[in-house]
Amino acid sequence: MKANMIKAALLVVMATVAINEAIVCLPNYCENVQCEAITSCDGRIVSRGGFCGCCDMCKKVLNPGDNCFQMLFRGVPSTVMCPDNYHCDAVTTKCVAVTQ
């Protein structure tokens, strides 16, 4: 029973990734997009950070060590970001300092 639940959950994750990877922004797509004005932002406004890079987007800035799992999904823009000089580690799914 537990193995079936794990298989089902894995299938859902794989399907979500496949759908996200299938999203393609066509040339000139942004010409037909009406961007909404950002009137307040409890985070940071990212220029052209929205879907297909058409519109600005407000993103919540995570703290160092916070879980950044949603940043790892591709296709749909994330609503969060790691702070300056940090990145989302794909193994730990946490915001970690950039090392040089």
PDB file of N, CA and C in Angstrom:
ATOM      1  N   MET A   1       0.828  -1.197   0.000  1.00  0.00           N
ATOM      2  CA  MET A   1       0.000   0.000   0.000  1.00  0.00           C
ATOM      3  C   MET A   1       0.867   1.253   0.000  1.00  0.00           C
ATOM      4  N   LYS A   2       1.874   1.283   0.897  1.00  0.00           N
ATOM      5  CA  LYS A   2       2.751   2.448   0.980  1.00  0.00           C
ATOM      6  C   LYS A   2       3.546   2.620  -0.313  1.00  0.00           C
ATOM      7  N   ALA A   3       3.981   1.518  -0.909  1.00  0.00           N
ATOM      8  CA  ALA A   3       4.728   1.577  -2.171  1.00  0.00           C
ATOM      9  C   ALA A   3       3.870   2.162  -3.282  1.00  0.00           C
ATOM     10  N   ASN A   4       2.575   1.824  -3.298  1.00  0.00           N
ATOM     11  CA  ASN A   4       1.673   2.369  -4.308  1.00  0.00           C
ATOM     12  C   ASN A   4       1.497   3.874  -4.139  1.00  0.00           C
ATOM     13  N   MET A   5       1.440   4.322  -2.903  1.00  0.00           N
ATOM     14  CA  MET A   5       1.304   5.763  -2.654  1.00  0.00           C
ATOM     15  C   MET A   5       2.556   6.501  -3.115  1.00  0.00           C
ATOM     16  N   ILE A   6       3.710   5.925  -2.863  1.00  0.00           N
ATOM     17  CA  ILE A   6       4.968   6.545  -3.289  1.00  0.00           C
ATOM     18  C   ILE A   6       5.035   6.589  -4.812  1.00  0.00           C
ATOM     19  N   LYS A   7       4.628   5.509  -5.465  1.00  0.00           N
ATOM     20  CA  LYS A   7       4.617   5.481  -6.929  1.00  0.00           C
ATOM     21  C   LYS A   7       3.666   6.532  -7.486  1.00  0.00           C
ATOM     22  N   ALA A   8       2.495   6.669  -6.878  1.00  0.00           N
ATOM     23  CA  ALA A   8       1.519   7.653  -7.340  1.00  0.00           C
ATOM     24  C   ALA A   8       2.055   9.070  -7.161  1.00  0.00           C
ATOM     25  N   ALA A   9       2.682   9.339  -6.026  1.00  0.00           N
ATOM     26  CA  ALA A   9       3.246  10.669  -5.781  1.00  0.00           C
ATOM     27  C   ALA A   9       4.362  10.970  -6.769  1.00  0.00           C
ATOM     28  N   LEU A  10       5.192   9.993  -7.039  1.00  0.00           N
ATOM     29  CA  LEU A  10       6.277  10.167  -8.004  1.00  0.00           C
ATOM     30  C   LEU A  10       5.726  10.435  -9.398  1.00  0.00           C
ATOM     31  N   LEU A  11       4.665   9.754  -9.763  1.00  0.00           N
ATOM     32  CA  LEU A  11       4.032   9.960 -11.060  1.00  0.00           C
ATOM     33  C   LEU A  11       3.486  11.380 -11.182  1.00  0.00           C
ATOM     34  N   VAL A  12       2.870  11.888 -10.122  1.00  0.00           N
ATOM     35  CA  VAL A  12       2.342  13.254 -10.129  1.00  0.00           C
ATOM     36  C   VAL A  12       3.474  14.262 -10.296  1.00  0.00           C
ATOM     37  N   VAL A  13       4.565  14.069  -9.579  1.00  0.00           N
ATOM     38  CA  VAL A  13       5.716  14.977  -9.691  1.00  0.00           C
ATOM     39  C   VAL A  13       6.279  14.942 -11.104  1.00  0.00           C
ATOM     40  N   MET A  14       6.434  13.759 -11.668  1.00  0.00           N
ATOM     41  CA  MET A  14       6.983  13.634 -13.020  1.00  0.00           C
ATOM     42  C   MET A  14       6.064  14.286 -14.049  1.00  0.00           C
ATOM     43  N   ALA A  15       4.757  14.132 -13.891  1.00  0.00           N
ATOM     44  CA  ALA A  15       3.809  14.748 -14.816  1.00  0.00           C
ATOM     45  C   ALA A  15       3.873  16.269 -14.715  1.00  0.00           C
ATOM     46  N   THR A  16       3.991  16.791 -13.495  1.00  0.00           N
ATOM     47  CA  THR A  16       4.093  18.236 -13.295  1.00  0.00           C
ATOM     48  C   THR A  16       5.340  18.785 -13.971  1.00  0.00           C
ATOM     49  N   VAL A  17       6.452  18.120 -13.809  1.00  0.00           N
ATOM     50  CA  VAL A  17       7.701  18.556 -14.446  1.00  0.00           C
ATOM     51  C   VAL A  17       7.558  18.515 -15.961  1.00  0.00           C
ATOM     52  N   ALA A  18       6.960  17.464 -16.497  1.00  0.00           N
ATOM     53  CA  ALA A  18       6.791  17.343 -17.946  1.00  0.00           C
ATOM     54  C   ALA A  18       5.924  18.464 -18.494  1.00  0.00           C
ATOM     55  N   ILE A  19       4.852  18.799 -17.791  1.00  0.00           N
ATOM     56  CA  ILE A  19       3.978  19.885 -18.230  1.00  0.00           C
ATOM     57  C   ILE A  19       4.718  21.210 -18.177  1.00  0.00           C
ATOM     58  N   ASN A  20       5.440  21.470 -17.099  1.00  0.00           N
ATOM     59  CA  ASN A  20       6.186  22.721 -16.972  1.00  0.00           C
ATOM     60  C   ASN A  20       7.248  22.851 -18.055  1.00  0.00           C
ATOM     61  N   GLU A  21       7.897  21.764 -18.415  1.00  0.00           N
ATOM     62  CA  GLU A  21       8.930  21.804 -19.450  1.00  0.00           C
ATOM     63  C   GLU A  21       8.323  22.043 -20.830  1.00  0.00           C
ATOM     64  N   ALA A  22       7.032  21.739 -20.996  1.00  0.00           N
ATOM     65  CA  ALA A  22       6.388  21.875 -22.296  1.00  0.00           C
ATOM     66  C   ALA A  22       5.959  23.306 -22.598  1.00  0.00           C
ATOM     67  N   ILE A  23       5.972  24.176 -21.603  1.00  0.00           N
ATOM     68  CA  ILE A  23       5.556  25.559 -21.809  1.00  0.00           C
ATOM     69  C   ILE A  23       6.616  26.270 -22.641  1.00  0.00           C
ATOM     70  N   VAL A  24       6.183  26.836 -23.763  1.00  0.00           N
ATOM     71  CA  VAL A  24       7.104  27.527 -24.656  1.00  0.00           C
ATOM     72  C   VAL A  24       6.563  28.921 -24.923  1.00  0.00           C
ATOM     73  N   CYS A  25       7.431  29.907 -24.841  1.00  0.00           N
ATOM     74  CA  CYS A  25       7.049  31.283 -25.139  1.00  0.00           C
ATOM     75  C   CYS A  25       7.334  31.545 -26.612  1.00  0.00           C
ATOM     76  N   LEU A  26       6.302  31.826 -27.353  1.00  0.00           N
ATOM     77  CA  LEU A  26       6.436  32.066 -28.780  1.00  0.00           C
ATOM     78  C   LEU A  26       7.026  33.447 -29.044  1.00  0.00           C
ATOM     79  N   PRO A  27       7.664  33.624 -30.204  1.00  0.00           N
ATOM     80  CA  PRO A  27       8.178  34.957 -30.554  1.00  0.00           C
ATOM     81  C   PRO A  27       7.030  35.966 -30.569  1.00  0.00           C
ATOM     82  N   ASN A  28       7.306  37.165 -30.131  1.00  0.00           N
ATOM     83  CA  ASN A  28       6.333  38.267 -30.095  1.00  0.00           C
ATOM     84  C   ASN A  28       5.163  38.011 -29.148  1.00  0.00           C
ATOM     85  N   TYR A  29       5.252  37.006 -28.287  1.00  0.00           N
ATOM     86  CA  TYR A  29       4.169  36.693 -27.351  1.00  0.00           C
ATOM     87  C   TYR A  29       3.848  37.892 -26.466  1.00  0.00           C
ATOM     88  N   CYS A  30       4.878  38.584 -26.006  1.00  0.00           N
ATOM     89  CA  CYS A  30       4.684  39.684 -25.062  1.00  0.00           C
ATOM     90  C   CYS A  30       3.966  40.887 -25.673  1.00  0.00           C
ATOM     91  N   GLU A  31       3.949  40.984 -26.994  1.00  0.00           N
ATOM     92  CA  GLU A  31       3.273  42.109 -27.644  1.00  0.00           C
ATOM     93  C   GLU A  31       1.782  42.118 -27.343  1.00  0.00           C
ATOM     94  N   ASN A  32       1.213  40.974 -27.028  1.00  0.00           N
ATOM     95  CA  ASN A  32      -0.227  40.866 -26.771  1.00  0.00           C
ATOM     96  C   ASN A  32      -0.563  40.749 -25.293  1.00  0.00           C
ATOM     97  N   VAL A  33       0.422  40.970 -24.432  1.00  0.00           N
ATOM     98  CA  VAL A  33       0.206  40.838 -22.992  1.00  0.00           C
ATOM     99  C   VAL A  33       0.045  42.217 -22.372  1.00  0.00           C
ATOM    100  N   GLN A  34      -1.001  42.386 -21.573  1.00  0.00           N
ATOM    101  CA  GLN A  34      -1.219  43.631 -20.837  1.00  0.00           C
ATOM    102  C   GLN A  34      -0.739  43.407 -19.407  1.00  0.00           C
ATOM    103  N   CYS A  35       0.336  44.062 -19.046  1.00  0.00           N
ATOM    104  CA  CYS A  35       0.898  43.888 -17.704  1.00  0.00           C
ATOM    105  C   CYS A  35       0.131  44.730 -16.693  1.00  0.00           C
ATOM    106  N   GLU A  36      -0.130  44.141 -15.532  1.00  0.00           N
ATOM    107  CA  GLU A  36      -0.768  44.875 -14.446  1.00  0.00           C
ATOM    108  C   GLU A  36       0.287  45.666 -13.690  1.00  0.00           C
ATOM    109  N   ALA A  37      -0.085  46.866 -13.265  1.00  0.00           N
ATOM    110  CA  ALA A  37       0.837  47.691 -12.480  1.00  0.00           C
ATOM    111  C   ALA A  37       1.028  47.058 -11.102  1.00  0.00           C
ATOM    112  N   ILE A  38       2.250  47.075 -10.625  1.00  0.00           N
ATOM    113  CA  ILE A  38       2.534  46.580  -9.275  1.00  0.00           C
ATOM    114  C   ILE A  38       2.428  47.778  -8.342  1.00  0.00           C
ATOM    115  N   THR A  39       1.380  47.795  -7.529  1.00  0.00           N
ATOM    116  CA  THR A  39       1.144  48.946  -6.650  1.00  0.00           C
ATOM    117  C   THR A  39       1.768  48.769  -5.278  1.00  0.00           C
ATOM    118  N   SER A  40       1.968  47.536  -4.857  1.00  0.00           N
ATOM    119  CA  SER A  40       2.665  47.283  -3.596  1.00  0.00           C
ATOM    120  C   SER A  40       3.392  45.950  -3.723  1.00  0.00           C
ATOM    121  N   CYS A  41       4.524  45.870  -3.049  1.00  0.00           N
ATOM    122  CA  CYS A  41       5.331  44.653  -3.142  1.00  0.00           C
ATOM    123  C   CYS A  41       6.037  44.440  -1.819  1.00  0.00           C
ATOM    124  N   ASP A  42       5.719  43.350  -1.144  1.00  0.00           N
ATOM    125  CA  ASP A  42       6.393  42.997   0.099  1.00  0.00           C
ATOM    126  C   ASP A  42       7.553  42.071  -0.251  1.00  0.00           C
ATOM    127  N   GLY A  43       8.524  42.616  -0.953  1.00  0.00           N
ATOM    128  CA  GLY A  43       9.661  41.838  -1.434  1.00  0.00           C
ATOM    129  C   GLY A  43      10.467  42.683  -2.396  1.00  0.00           C
ATOM    130  N   ARG A  44      10.728  42.146  -3.577  1.00  0.00           N
ATOM    131  CA  ARG A  44      11.523  42.857  -4.576  1.00  0.00           C
ATOM    132  C   ARG A  44      10.835  42.752  -5.934  1.00  0.00           C
ATOM    133  N   ILE A  45      10.759  43.868  -6.636  1.00  0.00           N
ATOM    134  CA  ILE A  45      10.213  43.857  -7.986  1.00  0.00           C
ATOM    135  C   ILE A  45      11.322  43.430  -8.940  1.00  0.00           C
ATOM    136  N   VAL A  46      11.054  42.372  -9.685  1.00  0.00           N
ATOM    137  CA  VAL A  46      12.020  41.846 -10.646  1.00  0.00           C
ATOM    138  C   VAL A  46      11.573  42.261 -12.041  1.00  0.00           C
ATOM    139  N   SER A  47      12.398  43.028 -12.715  1.00  0.00           N
ATOM    140  CA  SER A  47      12.089  43.490 -14.057  1.00  0.00           C
ATOM    141  C   SER A  47      11.964  42.305 -15.006  1.00  0.00           C
ATOM    142  N   ARG A  48      10.836  42.231 -15.700  1.00  0.00           N
ATOM    143  CA  ARG A  48      10.544  41.171 -16.664  1.00  0.00           C
ATOM    144  C   ARG A  48      10.687  39.779 -16.044  1.00  0.00           C
ATOM    145  N   GLY A  49      10.296  39.668 -14.782  1.00  0.00           N
ATOM    146  CA  GLY A  49      10.424  38.397 -14.070  1.00  0.00           C
ATOM    147  C   GLY A  49       9.207  37.507 -14.167  1.00  0.00           C
ATOM    148  N   GLY A  50       8.175  37.972 -14.871  1.00  0.00           N
ATOM    149  CA  GLY A  50       6.956  37.184 -14.987  1.00  0.00           C
ATOM    150  C   GLY A  50       7.016  36.166 -16.111  1.00  0.00           C
ATOM    151  N   PHE A  51       5.890  35.570 -16.405  1.00  0.00           N
ATOM    152  CA  PHE A  51       5.773  34.537 -17.431  1.00  0.00           C
ATOM    153  C   PHE A  51       6.300  35.032 -18.769  1.00  0.00           C
ATOM    154  N   CYS A  52       7.175  34.305 -19.381  1.00  0.00           N
ATOM    155  CA  CYS A  52       7.813  34.609 -20.669  1.00  0.00           C
ATOM    156  C   CYS A  52       8.618  35.905 -20.648  1.00  0.00           C
ATOM    157  N   GLY A  53       8.853  36.462 -19.472  1.00  0.00           N
ATOM    158  CA  GLY A  53       9.630  37.694 -19.380  1.00  0.00           C
ATOM    159  C   GLY A  53       8.885  38.906 -19.898  1.00  0.00           C
ATOM    160  N   CYS A  54       7.561  38.846 -19.874  1.00  0.00           N
ATOM    161  CA  CYS A  54       6.765  39.952 -20.409  1.00  0.00           C
ATOM    162  C   CYS A  54       6.578  41.075 -19.397  1.00  0.00           C
ATOM    163  N   CYS A  55       6.314  40.743 -18.166  1.00  0.00           N
ATOM    164  CA  CYS A  55       5.931  41.738 -17.169  1.00  0.00           C
ATOM    165  C   CYS A  55       6.848  41.686 -15.950  1.00  0.00           C
ATOM    166  N   ASP A  56       6.895  42.808 -15.246  1.00  0.00           N
ATOM    167  CA  ASP A  56       7.606  42.838 -13.976  1.00  0.00           C
ATOM    168  C   ASP A  56       6.836  41.973 -12.977  1.00  0.00           C
ATOM    169  N   MET A  57       7.538  41.511 -11.948  1.00  0.00           N
ATOM    170  CA  MET A  57       6.915  40.611 -10.976  1.00  0.00           C
ATOM    171  C   MET A  57       7.453  40.897  -9.584  1.00  0.00           C
ATOM    172  N   CYS A  58       6.570  40.826  -8.600  1.00  0.00           N
ATOM    173  CA  CYS A  58       6.971  40.973  -7.207  1.00  0.00           C
ATOM    174  C   CYS A  58       7.338  39.595  -6.670  1.00  0.00           C
ATOM    175  N   LYS A  59       8.537  39.493  -6.108  1.00  0.00           N
ATOM    176  CA  LYS A  59       8.983  38.223  -5.538  1.00  0.00           C
ATOM    177  C   LYS A  59       9.338  38.417  -4.071  1.00  0.00           C
ATOM    178  N   LYS A  60       8.897  37.480  -3.248  1.00  0.00           N
ATOM    179  CA  LYS A  60       9.256  37.478  -1.833  1.00  0.00           C
ATOM    180  C   LYS A  60      10.716  37.061  -1.717  1.00  0.00           C
ATOM    181  N   VAL A  61      11.496  37.813  -0.940  1.00  0.00           N
ATOM    182  CA  VAL A  61      12.900  37.478  -0.728  1.00  0.00           C
ATOM    183  C   VAL A  61      12.998  36.567   0.491  1.00  0.00           C
ATOM    184  N   LEU A  62      13.501  35.364   0.270  1.00  0.00           N
ATOM    185  CA  LEU A  62      13.658  34.397   1.349  1.00  0.00           C
ATOM    186  C   LEU A  62      14.848  34.761   2.227  1.00  0.00           C
ATOM    187  N   ASN A  63      14.895  34.183   3.398  1.00  0.00           N
ATOM    188  CA  ASN A  63      16.038  34.352   4.299  1.00  0.00           C
ATOM    189  C   ASN A  63      17.069  33.267   4.020  1.00  0.00           C
ATOM    190  N   PRO A  64      18.338  33.515   4.342  1.00  0.00           N
ATOM    191  CA  PRO A  64      19.343  32.463   4.200  1.00  0.00           C
ATOM    192  C   PRO A  64      18.900  31.205   4.956  1.00  0.00           C
ATOM    193  N   GLY A  65      19.020  30.059   4.300  1.00  0.00           N
ATOM    194  CA  GLY A  65      18.627  28.796   4.914  1.00  0.00           C
ATOM    195  C   GLY A  65      17.174  28.416   4.703  1.00  0.00           C
ATOM    196  N   ASP A  66      16.361  29.341   4.166  1.00  0.00           N
ATOM    197  CA  ASP A  66      14.955  29.022   3.905  1.00  0.00           C
ATOM    198  C   ASP A  66      14.834  28.003   2.779  1.00  0.00           C
ATOM    199  N   ASN A  67      13.733  27.271   2.780  1.00  0.00           N
ATOM    200  CA  ASN A  67      13.446  26.311   1.730  1.00  0.00           C
ATOM    201  C   ASN A  67      13.103  27.057   0.442  1.00  0.00           C
ATOM    202  N   CYS A  68      13.768  26.709  -0.645  1.00  0.00           N
ATOM    203  CA  CYS A  68      13.559  27.378  -1.934  1.00  0.00           C
ATOM    204  C   CYS A  68      13.116  26.379  -2.998  1.00  0.00           C
ATOM    205  N   PHE A  69      12.497  25.286  -2.574  1.00  0.00           N
ATOM    206  CA  PHE A  69      12.112  24.202  -3.477  1.00  0.00           C
ATOM    207  C   PHE A  69      11.347  24.697  -4.697  1.00  0.00           C
ATOM    208  N   GLN A  70      10.408  25.637  -4.497  1.00  0.00           N
ATOM    209  CA  GLN A  70       9.586  26.077  -5.627  1.00  0.00           C
ATOM    210  C   GLN A  70      10.396  26.797  -6.697  1.00  0.00           C
ATOM    211  N   MET A  71      11.589  27.283  -6.365  1.00  0.00           N
ATOM    212  CA  MET A  71      12.439  27.932  -7.366  1.00  0.00           C
ATOM    213  C   MET A  71      13.003  26.923  -8.361  1.00  0.00           C
ATOM    214  N   LEU A  72      13.010  25.655  -8.008  1.00  0.00           N
ATOM    215  CA  LEU A  72      13.614  24.637  -8.858  1.00  0.00           C
ATOM    216  C   LEU A  72      12.681  24.156  -9.959  1.00  0.00           C
ATOM    217  N   PHE A  73      11.366  24.446  -9.842  1.00  0.00           N
ATOM    218  CA  PHE A  73      10.434  24.070 -10.899  1.00  0.00           C
ATOM    219  C   PHE A  73      10.655  24.974 -12.095  1.00  0.00           C
ATOM    220  N   ARG A  74      10.637  24.389 -13.259  1.00  0.00           N
ATOM    221  CA  ARG A  74      10.833  25.172 -14.473  1.00  0.00           C
ATOM    222  C   ARG A  74       9.495  25.383 -15.151  1.00  0.00           C
ATOM    223  N   GLY A  75       9.406  26.421 -15.971  1.00  0.00           N
ATOM    224  CA  GLY A  75       8.204  26.672 -16.746  1.00  0.00           C
ATOM    225  C   GLY A  75       7.383  27.813 -16.190  1.00  0.00           C
ATOM    226  N   VAL A  76       7.051  27.772 -14.929  1.00  0.00           N
ATOM    227  CA  VAL A  76       6.251  28.818 -14.300  1.00  0.00           C
ATOM    228  C   VAL A  76       7.174  29.649 -13.419  1.00  0.00           C
ATOM    229  N   PRO A  77       7.118  30.988 -13.549  1.00  0.00           N
ATOM    230  CA  PRO A  77       8.015  31.819 -12.734  1.00  0.00           C
ATOM    231  C   PRO A  77       7.776  31.619 -11.239  1.00  0.00           C
ATOM    232  N   SER A  78       8.844  31.535 -10.498  1.00  0.00           N
ATOM    233  CA  SER A  78       8.756  31.405  -9.049  1.00  0.00           C
ATOM    234  C   SER A  78       8.355  32.742  -8.438  1.00  0.00           C
ATOM    235  N   THR A  79       7.623  32.690  -7.349  1.00  0.00           N
ATOM    236  CA  THR A  79       7.213  33.917  -6.658  1.00  0.00           C
ATOM    237  C   THR A  79       8.159  34.266  -5.521  1.00  0.00           C
ATOM    238  N   VAL A  80       9.225  33.493  -5.369  1.00  0.00           N
ATOM    239  CA  VAL A  80      10.211  33.745  -4.315  1.00  0.00           C
ATOM    240  C   VAL A  80      11.606  33.787  -4.924  1.00  0.00           C
ATOM    241  N   MET A  81      12.545  34.348  -4.161  1.00  0.00           N
ATOM    242  CA  MET A  81      13.938  34.372  -4.588  1.00  0.00           C
ATOM    243  C   MET A  81      14.834  34.362  -3.366  1.00  0.00           C
ATOM    244  N   CYS A  82      16.043  33.858  -3.538  1.00  0.00           N
ATOM    245  CA  CYS A  82      17.026  33.896  -2.459  1.00  0.00           C
ATOM    246  C   CYS A  82      17.594  35.311  -2.368  1.00  0.00           C
ATOM    247  N   PRO A  83      18.098  35.704  -1.194  1.00  0.00           N
ATOM    248  CA  PRO A  83      18.670  37.049  -1.058  1.00  0.00           C
ATOM    249  C   PRO A  83      19.935  37.204  -1.908  1.00  0.00           C
ATOM    250  N   ASP A  84      20.369  38.446  -2.063  1.00  0.00           N
ATOM    251  CA  ASP A  84      21.601  38.725  -2.800  1.00  0.00           C
ATOM    252  C   ASP A  84      22.742  37.884  -2.249  1.00  0.00           C
ATOM    253  N   ASN A  85      23.597  37.417  -3.144  1.00  0.00           N
ATOM    254  CA  ASN A  85      24.766  36.592  -2.820  1.00  0.00           C
ATOM    255  C   ASN A  85      24.406  35.198  -2.300  1.00  0.00           C
ATOM    256  N   TYR A  86      23.168  34.766  -2.551  1.00  0.00           N
ATOM    257  CA  TYR A  86      22.709  33.420  -2.205  1.00  0.00           C
ATOM    258  C   TYR A  86      22.073  32.799  -3.442  1.00  0.00           C
ATOM    259  N   HIS A  87      22.044  31.485  -3.490  1.00  0.00           N
ATOM    260  CA  HIS A  87      21.363  30.778  -4.568  1.00  0.00           C
ATOM    261  C   HIS A  87      20.627  29.575  -3.975  1.00  0.00           C
ATOM    262  N   CYS A  88      19.733  29.019  -4.758  1.00  0.00           N
ATOM    263  CA  CYS A  88      18.974  27.857  -4.307  1.00  0.00           C
ATOM    264  C   CYS A  88      19.762  26.598  -4.630  1.00  0.00           C
ATOM    265  N   ASP A  89      20.188  25.896  -3.607  1.00  0.00           N
ATOM    266  CA  ASP A  89      20.945  24.659  -3.778  1.00  0.00           C
ATOM    267  C   ASP A  89      19.979  23.539  -4.156  1.00  0.00           C
ATOM    268  N   ALA A  90      20.221  22.897  -5.292  1.00  0.00           N
ATOM    269  CA  ALA A  90      19.319  21.862  -5.794  1.00  0.00           C
ATOM    270  C   ALA A  90      19.309  20.607  -4.926  1.00  0.00           C
ATOM    271  N   VAL A  91      20.352  20.385  -4.161  1.00  0.00           N
ATOM    272  CA  VAL A  91      20.418  19.190  -3.312  1.00  0.00           C
ATOM    273  C   VAL A  91      19.692  19.417  -1.992  1.00  0.00           C
ATOM    274  N   THR A  92      19.988  20.528  -1.337  1.00  0.00           N
ATOM    275  CA  THR A  92      19.382  20.797  -0.031  1.00  0.00           C
ATOM    276  C   THR A  92      18.071  21.561  -0.140  1.00  0.00           C
ATOM    277  N   THR A  93      17.779  22.124  -1.307  1.00  0.00           N
ATOM    278  CA  THR A  93      16.619  22.995  -1.567  1.00  0.00           C
ATOM    279  C   THR A  93      16.541  24.131  -0.548  1.00  0.00           C
ATOM    280  N   LYS A  94      17.691  24.689  -0.225  1.00  0.00           N
ATOM    281  CA  LYS A  94      17.767  25.818   0.707  1.00  0.00           C
ATOM    282  C   LYS A  94      18.594  26.929   0.077  1.00  0.00           C
ATOM    283  N   CYS A  95      18.330  28.172   0.500  1.00  0.00           N
ATOM    284  CA  CYS A  95      19.129  29.309   0.052  1.00  0.00           C
ATOM    285  C   CYS A  95      20.475  29.253   0.763  1.00  0.00           C
ATOM    286  N   VAL A  96      21.534  29.095  -0.016  1.00  0.00           N
ATOM    287  CA  VAL A  96      22.883  29.001   0.543  1.00  0.00           C
ATOM    288  C   VAL A  96      23.762  30.075  -0.086  1.00  0.00           C
ATOM    289  N   ALA A  97      24.798  30.470   0.642  1.00  0.00           N
ATOM    290  CA  ALA A  97      25.712  31.507   0.165  1.00  0.00           C
ATOM    291  C   ALA A  97      26.425  31.050  -1.102  1.00  0.00           C
ATOM    292  N   VAL A  98      26.609  31.995  -2.010  1.00  0.00           N
ATOM    293  CA  VAL A  98      27.370  31.727  -3.228  1.00  0.00           C
ATOM    294  C   VAL A  98      28.839  31.660  -2.846  1.00  0.00           C
ATOM    295  N   THR A  99      29.503  30.603  -3.264  1.00  0.00           N
ATOM    296  CA  THR A  99      30.938  30.477  -2.992  1.00  0.00           C
ATOM    297  C   THR A  99      31.698  30.738  -4.279  1.00  0.00           C
ATOM    298  N   GLN A 100      32.877  31.336  -4.129  1.00  0.00           N
ATOM    299  CA  GLN A 100      33.645  31.666  -5.333  1.00  0.00           C
ATOM    300  C   GLN A 100      34.906  30.898  -5.413  1.00  0.00           C
TER     301      GLN A 100
END
